[in-house]
Protein backbone atom coordinates (compact mmCIF):
# COMPACT_ATOMS: atom_id res chain seq x y z
CA MET A 1 -0.03 0.00 -0.03
CA THR A 2 1.40 3.39 -1.04
CA THR A 3 1.01 6.18 1.55
CA ALA A 4 0.90 9.85 0.62
CA ALA A 5 3.93 11.92 1.64
CA PRO A 6 3.47 13.94 4.83
CA ARG A 7 2.39 17.50 4.21
CA TRP A 8 5.57 19.15 5.53
CA TYR A 9 6.83 18.89 1.98
CA ALA A 10 4.39 21.48 0.72
CA HIS A 11 5.47 24.56 2.65
CA PRO A 12 5.35 27.71 0.64
CA TYR A 13 8.62 28.99 2.20
CA ASN A 14 10.60 26.00 0.88
CA ARG A 15 11.39 27.68 -2.43
CA PRO A 16 14.69 28.97 -3.97
CA LEU A 17 13.40 32.54 -4.03
CA PHE A 18 13.32 32.70 -0.23
CA TYR A 19 16.79 31.23 0.03
CA ARG A 20 18.14 33.81 -2.47
CA LEU A 21 16.57 36.62 -0.44
CA ALA A 22 17.98 35.25 2.78
CA GLY A 23 21.33 34.81 1.14
CA ALA A 24 21.36 38.49 0.10
CA ALA A 25 20.63 39.47 3.71
CA ALA A 26 23.65 37.53 4.79
CA MET A 27 25.78 40.58 3.98
CA LEU A 28 24.24 42.40 6.98
CA PRO A 29 25.75 42.13 10.47
CA ARG A 30 24.16 39.24 12.38
CA PRO A 31 22.11 41.46 14.81
CA ALA A 32 20.53 43.35 11.91
CA ARG A 33 20.08 40.13 9.92
CA LEU A 34 18.25 38.43 12.83
CA CYS A 35 16.13 41.53 13.50
CA LEU A 36 15.04 41.53 9.80
CA ALA A 37 14.34 37.77 9.96
CA MET A 38 12.09 38.15 13.01
CA GLY A 39 10.24 40.95 11.29
CA VAL A 40 9.59 38.77 8.30
CA ALA A 41 8.43 35.96 10.63
CA GLU A 42 5.76 38.18 12.04
CA VAL A 43 4.38 38.64 8.49
CA ALA A 44 4.80 34.94 7.67
CA ALA A 45 2.76 33.87 10.64
CA ARG A 46 -0.17 35.80 9.18
CA TRP A 47 0.63 34.79 5.60
CA MET A 48 0.57 31.05 6.41
CA PRO A 49 -2.74 30.52 8.23
CA ALA A 50 -2.79 26.71 7.75
CA GLU A 51 0.64 26.28 9.24
CA ARG A 52 -0.12 28.72 12.06
CA ALA A 53 -3.26 26.75 12.93
CA VAL A 54 -1.33 23.52 13.09
CA VAL A 55 1.48 25.13 15.12
CA ARG A 56 -1.11 26.30 17.65
CA ARG A 57 -2.60 22.79 17.96
CA ASN A 58 0.83 21.23 18.40
CA LEU A 59 1.87 23.84 21.02
CA GLU A 60 -1.43 23.43 22.87
CA ARG A 61 -0.80 19.70 23.18
CA ILE A 62 2.84 20.25 24.25
CA THR A 63 2.33 23.10 26.71
CA GLY A 64 -1.37 23.17 27.59
CA ALA A 65 -1.42 26.90 26.83
CA GLN A 66 -4.57 28.52 25.45
CA GLY A 67 -5.85 31.86 24.25
CA ALA A 68 -3.43 34.79 24.20
CA ALA A 69 -0.59 32.69 25.77
CA LEU A 70 -0.93 30.17 22.94
CA ASP A 71 -0.89 32.90 20.33
CA ALA A 72 2.29 34.31 21.81
CA LEU A 73 3.96 30.89 21.72
CA ALA A 74 2.99 30.44 18.11
CA ARG A 75 4.45 33.80 17.10
CA ALA A 76 7.61 32.97 19.05
CA LEU A 77 7.99 29.68 17.11
CA PHE A 78 7.80 31.54 13.79
CA ARG A 79 10.44 33.99 15.10
CA ASP A 80 12.73 31.25 16.34
CA PHE A 81 12.42 29.42 13.01
CA ALA A 82 13.33 32.63 11.16
CA VAL A 83 16.46 33.06 13.28
CA CYS A 84 17.65 29.53 12.65
CA PHE A 85 16.79 29.85 8.97
CA ALA A 86 18.78 33.09 8.65
CA ASP A 87 21.71 31.52 10.38
CA LEU A 88 21.50 28.44 8.21
CA VAL A 89 21.65 30.39 4.94
CA SER A 90 24.37 32.76 6.06
CA THR A 91 26.69 30.21 7.76
CA ASN A 92 26.10 26.95 5.87
CA ARG A 93 29.06 27.65 3.63
CA ARG A 94 31.51 28.38 6.40
CA ARG A 95 33.89 25.81 7.83
CA GLY A 96 32.88 24.04 11.02
CA ARG A 97 35.67 25.61 13.05
CA ALA A 98 34.52 29.08 11.99
CA LEU A 99 31.09 28.43 13.52
CA GLN A 100 32.40 28.00 17.06
CA GLY A 101 31.65 31.59 17.88
CA ARG A 102 27.92 30.87 17.48
CA ILE A 103 28.12 28.29 20.35
CA ALA A 104 27.43 29.47 23.88
CA ARG A 105 28.18 26.17 25.53
CA VAL A 106 28.17 22.39 25.08
CA ILE A 107 26.30 20.20 27.49
CA GLY A 108 27.37 16.51 27.63
CA ALA A 109 30.70 16.96 25.79
CA GLU A 110 32.12 14.21 28.01
CA TYR A 111 30.02 11.65 26.11
CA MET A 112 32.23 12.17 23.01
CA ARG A 113 35.54 11.92 24.73
CA GLY A 114 37.37 8.70 23.92
CA MET A 115 34.44 7.50 21.76
CA GLU A 116 35.95 5.10 19.13
CA GLY A 117 34.34 3.47 16.15
CA GLY A 118 31.22 4.46 14.28
CA VAL A 119 28.55 6.65 15.90
CA ILE A 120 24.94 7.37 15.00
CA SER A 121 24.12 11.03 15.91
CA LEU A 122 20.31 11.22 16.27
CA THR A 123 18.67 14.60 16.27
CA ALA A 124 15.36 16.21 15.38
CA HIS A 125 13.92 19.28 13.77
CA LEU A 126 14.64 21.19 16.97
CA GLY A 127 16.70 24.41 16.82
CA ASN A 128 19.45 24.57 14.17
CA TRP A 129 20.00 20.92 13.26
CA GLU A 130 22.06 21.77 10.16
CA LEU A 131 24.55 23.76 12.20
CA ALA A 132 24.79 20.79 14.57
CA GLY A 133 25.92 18.51 11.77
CA ARG A 134 28.84 20.70 10.79
CA LEU A 135 29.86 21.23 14.37
CA LEU A 136 29.76 17.52 14.99
CA ALA A 137 32.00 16.87 12.04
CA SER A 138 34.58 19.42 13.24
CA ARG A 139 34.53 18.08 16.82
CA ALA A 140 34.51 14.40 15.95
CA ARG A 141 37.38 14.90 13.43
CA ARG A 142 35.97 12.13 11.28
CA ALA A 143 33.70 12.00 8.18
CA THR A 144 30.10 12.72 8.98
CA HIS A 145 27.32 11.42 6.68
CA VAL A 146 24.13 13.48 7.07
CA VAL A 147 21.06 11.59 5.90
CA VAL A 148 18.44 13.82 4.17
CA ALA A 149 15.11 13.33 2.44
CA PRO A 150 14.86 14.06 -1.30
CA ASP A 151 13.69 17.66 -1.58
CA GLU A 152 10.65 18.47 -3.74
CA ALA A 153 12.10 21.86 -4.64
CA PRO A 154 15.08 21.62 -6.99
CA GLY A 155 17.95 24.07 -6.68
CA LEU A 156 18.17 24.18 -2.89
CA ASP A 157 21.38 22.18 -2.54
CA ARG A 158 23.59 25.26 -2.81
CA TRP A 159 22.09 26.56 0.43
CA LEU A 160 21.31 23.34 2.30
CA ARG A 161 23.59 20.51 1.19
CA ARG A 162 27.13 21.58 0.71
CA ASN A 163 29.49 18.66 0.88
CA GLY A 164 32.92 19.35 2.34
CA ASP A 165 34.75 20.09 5.60
CA GLY A 166 34.14 16.50 6.66
CA VAL A 167 30.37 16.53 5.87
CA ARG A 168 28.73 14.42 3.17
CA PHE A 169 24.99 14.50 2.45
CA VAL A 170 23.30 11.21 1.65
CA THR A 171 19.79 11.12 0.10
CA ARG A 172 17.69 8.54 1.89
CA ALA A 173 15.85 7.44 -1.28
CA ARG A 174 18.97 6.06 -2.94
CA ALA A 175 18.85 2.28 -3.21
CA THR A 176 22.36 1.89 -1.88
CA ALA A 177 22.01 4.37 1.02
CA ALA A 178 21.58 1.78 3.82
CA VAL A 179 24.51 -0.30 2.63
CA ASN A 180 26.74 2.75 2.33
CA LEU A 181 25.81 4.07 5.80
CA LEU A 182 26.52 0.63 7.32
CA ALA A 183 29.89 0.62 5.63
CA ALA A 184 30.65 4.14 6.91
CA LEU A 185 29.87 3.09 10.50
CA ARG A 186 32.09 0.08 10.23
CA ARG A 187 34.91 2.42 9.06
CA GLY A 188 34.46 4.34 12.31
CA GLU A 189 32.66 7.35 10.80
CA VAL A 190 29.59 9.29 11.96
CA VAL A 191 26.10 8.95 10.50
CA ALA A 192 23.72 11.82 11.39
CA LEU A 193 19.96 11.20 11.25
CA GLN A 194 16.72 12.92 12.32
CA GLY A 195 14.27 10.84 14.31
CA ASP A 196 11.13 12.89 14.63
CA ARG A 197 9.35 12.55 11.27
CA ALA A 198 7.53 9.41 10.26
CA LEU A 199 8.23 8.25 6.70
CA GLY A 200 4.91 6.67 5.89
CA GLY A 201 6.34 3.13 5.49
CA ARG A 202 6.25 -0.23 7.22
CA SER A 203 9.10 0.79 9.57
CA ASP A 204 7.11 3.52 11.31
CA VAL A 205 6.03 2.68 14.88
CA ASN A 206 3.43 4.40 17.00
CA VAL A 207 4.80 5.64 20.33
CA SER A 208 3.18 7.77 23.07
CA PHE A 209 4.27 11.40 22.56
CA PHE A 210 2.80 13.99 24.86
CA GLY A 211 0.03 11.63 25.85
CA ARG A 212 -1.03 10.47 22.38
CA ALA A 213 0.31 7.93 19.95
CA ALA A 214 2.35 9.33 17.08
CA PRO A 215 4.35 7.54 14.35
CA PHE A 216 8.14 7.63 14.42
CA PRO A 217 10.73 6.07 12.16
CA LEU A 218 12.38 2.86 13.33
CA GLY A 219 15.18 3.12 10.72
CA PRO A 220 17.85 4.73 12.98
CA PHE A 221 17.52 1.92 15.42
CA LEU A 222 17.58 -0.80 12.78
CA LEU A 223 20.83 0.74 11.60
CA GLY A 224 22.13 0.83 15.20
CA ARG A 225 21.40 -2.76 15.76
CA ALA A 226 22.87 -3.92 12.43
CA SER A 227 26.09 -1.89 12.92
CA GLY A 228 26.49 -2.12 16.72
CA ALA A 229 27.22 1.64 16.68
CA PRO A 230 25.97 3.59 19.63
CA ILE A 231 23.12 6.10 19.34
CA LEU A 232 24.23 9.62 20.39
CA PRO A 233 21.24 11.95 21.06
CA ALA A 234 22.19 15.44 19.95
CA PHE A 235 20.36 18.82 19.79
CA CYS A 236 21.52 22.33 18.85
CA VAL A 237 19.05 24.94 20.27
CA LEU A 238 18.98 28.75 20.61
CA ASP A 239 19.94 30.20 23.93
CA ALA A 240 18.53 33.44 25.36
CA ASP A 241 21.36 35.49 23.79
CA ARG A 242 20.64 34.04 20.34
CA ARG A 243 23.77 31.87 20.44
CA TYR A 244 23.44 28.05 20.40
CA VAL A 245 23.62 25.42 23.06
CA VAL A 246 24.69 21.95 21.92
CA MET A 247 23.13 19.26 24.07
CA LEU A 248 24.51 15.70 23.87
CA GLY A 249 22.78 12.86 25.63
CA GLU A 250 24.25 9.63 26.96
CA PRO A 251 24.94 7.17 24.17
CA PHE A 252 23.10 3.85 24.08
CA THR A 253 23.31 0.75 21.97
CA VAL A 254 20.54 -1.28 20.35
CA PRO A 255 20.61 -4.98 21.27
CA PRO A 256 19.16 -7.64 18.94
CA GLY A 257 15.36 -7.32 19.07
CA GLY A 258 15.63 -4.04 21.02
CA GLU A 259 14.82 -1.65 18.19
CA GLU A 260 11.36 -0.66 19.50
CA GLY A 261 12.65 -0.24 23.03
CA ALA A 262 15.43 2.03 21.80
CA LEU A 263 12.88 4.04 19.80
CA ILE A 264 10.71 4.47 22.91
CA ARG A 265 13.83 5.70 24.83
CA TRP A 266 14.60 8.19 22.08
CA VAL A 267 11.01 9.51 22.00
CA GLY A 268 11.20 10.09 25.75
CA LEU A 269 14.42 12.15 25.28
CA LEU A 270 12.81 14.10 22.41
CA GLU A 271 9.68 14.80 24.45
CA GLN A 272 11.80 16.23 27.25
CA ALA A 273 13.78 18.48 24.85
CA VAL A 274 10.62 19.71 23.12
CA ARG A 275 8.96 20.40 26.43
CA GLU A 276 11.90 22.54 27.51
CA ARG A 277 12.01 24.50 24.15
CA PRO A 278 8.52 24.14 22.50
CA THR A 279 8.99 27.13 20.21
CA GLN A 280 12.03 25.58 18.60
CA TRP A 281 10.45 22.38 17.44
CA PHE A 282 9.90 23.17 13.78
CA ASN A 283 7.28 20.78 12.51
CA PHE A 284 4.55 22.72 10.72
CA TYR A 285 2.18 19.75 10.33
CA ASP A 286 0.09 17.47 12.52
CA VAL A 287 2.74 15.16 13.96
CA TRP A 288 0.15 12.80 15.44
CA THR A 289 -1.78 12.21 12.18
CA PRO A 290 0.78 13.22 9.43
CA PHE A 291 -0.70 11.10 6.70
CA ASP A 292 -4.39 12.08 6.98
CA ALA A 293 -6.02 13.59 3.96
């Protein structure tokens, strides 16, 4: 049975024009650039009523907020997304080491010390996940393979998927992707995946998320079991001063037959991270029923 793609692929902002405009604004000093981005976000929140409505529903489930408080959270989410988007477009071509000034602190750095062999870095659409991938490659000092979905909008690679500086982007739809990722892990390299969006296939598993079942991909944990590589939870979120905090969780391995248990553990960590920073979880669709018509 073929399942329709989730509706996050249809966002009107995911077009080359917006990336070109953001790229032109990259010439501005960062404070001015972020101020402009947040101003645009206020307009976008009104210009995208369908996404705003879904964001409000998601935030209501996550926080319990209602009325004016819920409206304020929704506007803050659009602003936080605009900040991360502006930083993505302006810094994505810079080398990982040059991005260190954007980092306020790293929590859990001890988990990477002495880590040998392949590692699966598991993250989510929380904060600036693209920046996290480049920072991980520079800190790990080993090749990092970032797994991405095929994009419906051609021409975005120049802004989003620049190979180099230890980072290589791998499109998930390629027939050889799983074999290549397994080989990379066995060479002692890093594979970076996102684990908060269901794919609409047989490997999706329903897990309780903020009190209601939601589908999540089992793929990262199948890869972890097959390779024996540890799962390293990792998030890169905005701090109060608009710099970023990198948060690394304790690594864990996936035993034979333990894929669903590992997924449940991951979803628990994700729920905690989203609860702490609900306006930085950038999923503009109904996460609990992503494939409904």
